[in-house]
Amino acid sequence: QHSLLLLSLPVLAGAITMLLTD
């Protein structure tokens, strides 16, 4: 289950980056 967190972190970071850079 820890793997899910490791995979979700980069996804969230990417989404935030896209929102910030818009």
PDB file of N, CA and C in Angstrom:
ATOM      1  N   GLN A   1       0.827  -1.208   0.000  1.00  0.00           N
ATOM      2  CA  GLN A   1       0.000   0.000   0.000  1.00  0.00           C
ATOM      3  C   GLN A   1       0.858   1.254   0.000  1.00  0.00           C
ATOM      4  N   HIS A   2       2.064   1.127   0.559  1.00  0.00           N
ATOM      5  CA  HIS A   2       2.971   2.279   0.567  1.00  0.00           C
ATOM      6  C   HIS A   2       3.293   2.722  -0.855  1.00  0.00           C
ATOM      7  N   SER A   3       3.274   1.748  -1.784  1.00  0.00           N
ATOM      8  CA  SER A   3       3.590   2.073  -3.178  1.00  0.00           C
ATOM      9  C   SER A   3       2.576   3.060  -3.739  1.00  0.00           C
ATOM     10  N   LEU A   4       1.335   2.961  -3.254  1.00  0.00           N
ATOM     11  CA  LEU A   4       0.295   3.880  -3.723  1.00  0.00           C
ATOM     12  C   LEU A   4       0.647   5.313  -3.343  1.00  0.00           C
ATOM     13  N   LEU A   5       1.160   5.485  -2.138  1.00  0.00           N
ATOM     14  CA  LEU A   5       1.550   6.832  -1.692  1.00  0.00           C
ATOM     15  C   LEU A   5       2.694   7.356  -2.544  1.00  0.00           C
ATOM     16  N   LEU A   6       3.670   6.486  -2.805  1.00  0.00           N
ATOM     17  CA  LEU A   6       4.838   6.891  -3.600  1.00  0.00           C
ATOM     18  C   LEU A   6       4.412   7.280  -5.003  1.00  0.00           C
ATOM     19  N   LEU A   7       3.382   6.612  -5.525  1.00  0.00           N
ATOM     20  CA  LEU A   7       2.913   6.919  -6.872  1.00  0.00           C
ATOM     21  C   LEU A   7       2.026   8.159  -6.878  1.00  0.00           C
ATOM     22  N   SER A   8       1.297   8.365  -5.802  1.00  0.00           N
ATOM     23  CA  SER A   8       0.360   9.496  -5.748  1.00  0.00           C
ATOM     24  C   SER A   8       1.088  10.823  -5.524  1.00  0.00           C
ATOM     25  N   LEU A   9       2.205  10.779  -4.795  1.00  0.00           N
ATOM     26  CA  LEU A   9       2.945  12.017  -4.513  1.00  0.00           C
ATOM     27  C   LEU A   9       3.383  12.736  -5.785  1.00  0.00           C
ATOM     28  N   PRO A  10       4.052  12.047  -6.713  1.00  0.00           N
ATOM     29  CA  PRO A  10       4.476  12.691  -7.969  1.00  0.00           C
ATOM     30  C   PRO A  10       3.271  13.180  -8.768  1.00  0.00           C
ATOM     31  N   VAL A  11       2.188  12.438  -8.740  1.00  0.00           N
ATOM     32  CA  VAL A  11       0.977  12.826  -9.479  1.00  0.00           C
ATOM     33  C   VAL A  11       0.412  14.121  -8.922  1.00  0.00           C
ATOM     34  N   LEU A  12       0.330  14.195  -7.597  1.00  0.00           N
ATOM     35  CA  LEU A  12      -0.174  15.413  -6.957  1.00  0.00           C
ATOM     36  C   LEU A  12       0.760  16.580  -7.243  1.00  0.00           C
ATOM     37  N   ALA A  13       2.049  16.334  -7.164  1.00  0.00           N
ATOM     38  CA  ALA A  13       3.036  17.390  -7.414  1.00  0.00           C
ATOM     39  C   ALA A  13       2.890  17.895  -8.849  1.00  0.00           C
ATOM     40  N   GLY A  14       2.702  16.977  -9.785  1.00  0.00           N
ATOM     41  CA  GLY A  14       2.549  17.357 -11.188  1.00  0.00           C
ATOM     42  C   GLY A  14       1.288  18.177 -11.402  1.00  0.00           C
ATOM     43  N   ALA A  15       0.206  17.782 -10.736  1.00  0.00           N
ATOM     44  CA  ALA A  15      -1.066  18.499 -10.872  1.00  0.00           C
ATOM     45  C   ALA A  15      -0.926  19.910 -10.322  1.00  0.00           C
ATOM     46  N   ILE A  16      -0.281  20.036  -9.157  1.00  0.00           N
ATOM     47  CA  ILE A  16      -0.074  21.356  -8.544  1.00  0.00           C
ATOM     48  C   ILE A  16       0.794  22.225  -9.448  1.00  0.00           C
ATOM     49  N   THR A  17       1.828  21.617 -10.023  1.00  0.00           N
ATOM     50  CA  THR A  17       2.724  22.366 -10.910  1.00  0.00           C
ATOM     51  C   THR A  17       1.960  22.889 -12.127  1.00  0.00           C
ATOM     52  N   MET A  18       1.091  22.041 -12.683  1.00  0.00           N
ATOM     53  CA  MET A  18       0.302  22.448 -13.847  1.00  0.00           C
ATOM     54  C   MET A  18      -0.623  23.605 -13.473  1.00  0.00           C
ATOM     55  N   LEU A  19      -1.204  23.527 -12.268  1.00  0.00           N
ATOM     56  CA  LEU A  19      -2.113  24.588 -11.827  1.00  0.00           C
ATOM     57  C   LEU A  19      -1.351  25.891 -11.631  1.00  0.00           C
ATOM     58  N   LEU A  20      -0.156  25.798 -11.041  1.00  0.00           N
ATOM     59  CA  LEU A  20       0.633  27.001 -10.768  1.00  0.00           C
ATOM     60  C   LEU A  20       1.125  27.623 -12.068  1.00  0.00           C
ATOM     61  N   THR A  21       1.582  26.785 -12.990  1.00  0.00           N
ATOM     62  CA  THR A  21       2.113  27.289 -14.256  1.00  0.00           C
ATOM     63  C   THR A  21       0.968  27.666 -15.197  1.00  0.00           C
ATOM     64  N   ASP A  22      -0.203  27.007 -15.017  1.00  0.00           N
ATOM     65  CA  ASP A  22      -1.386  27.266 -15.811  1.00  0.00           C
ATOM     66  C   ASP A  22      -1.027  27.528 -17.270  1.00  0.00           C
TER      67      ASP A  22
END
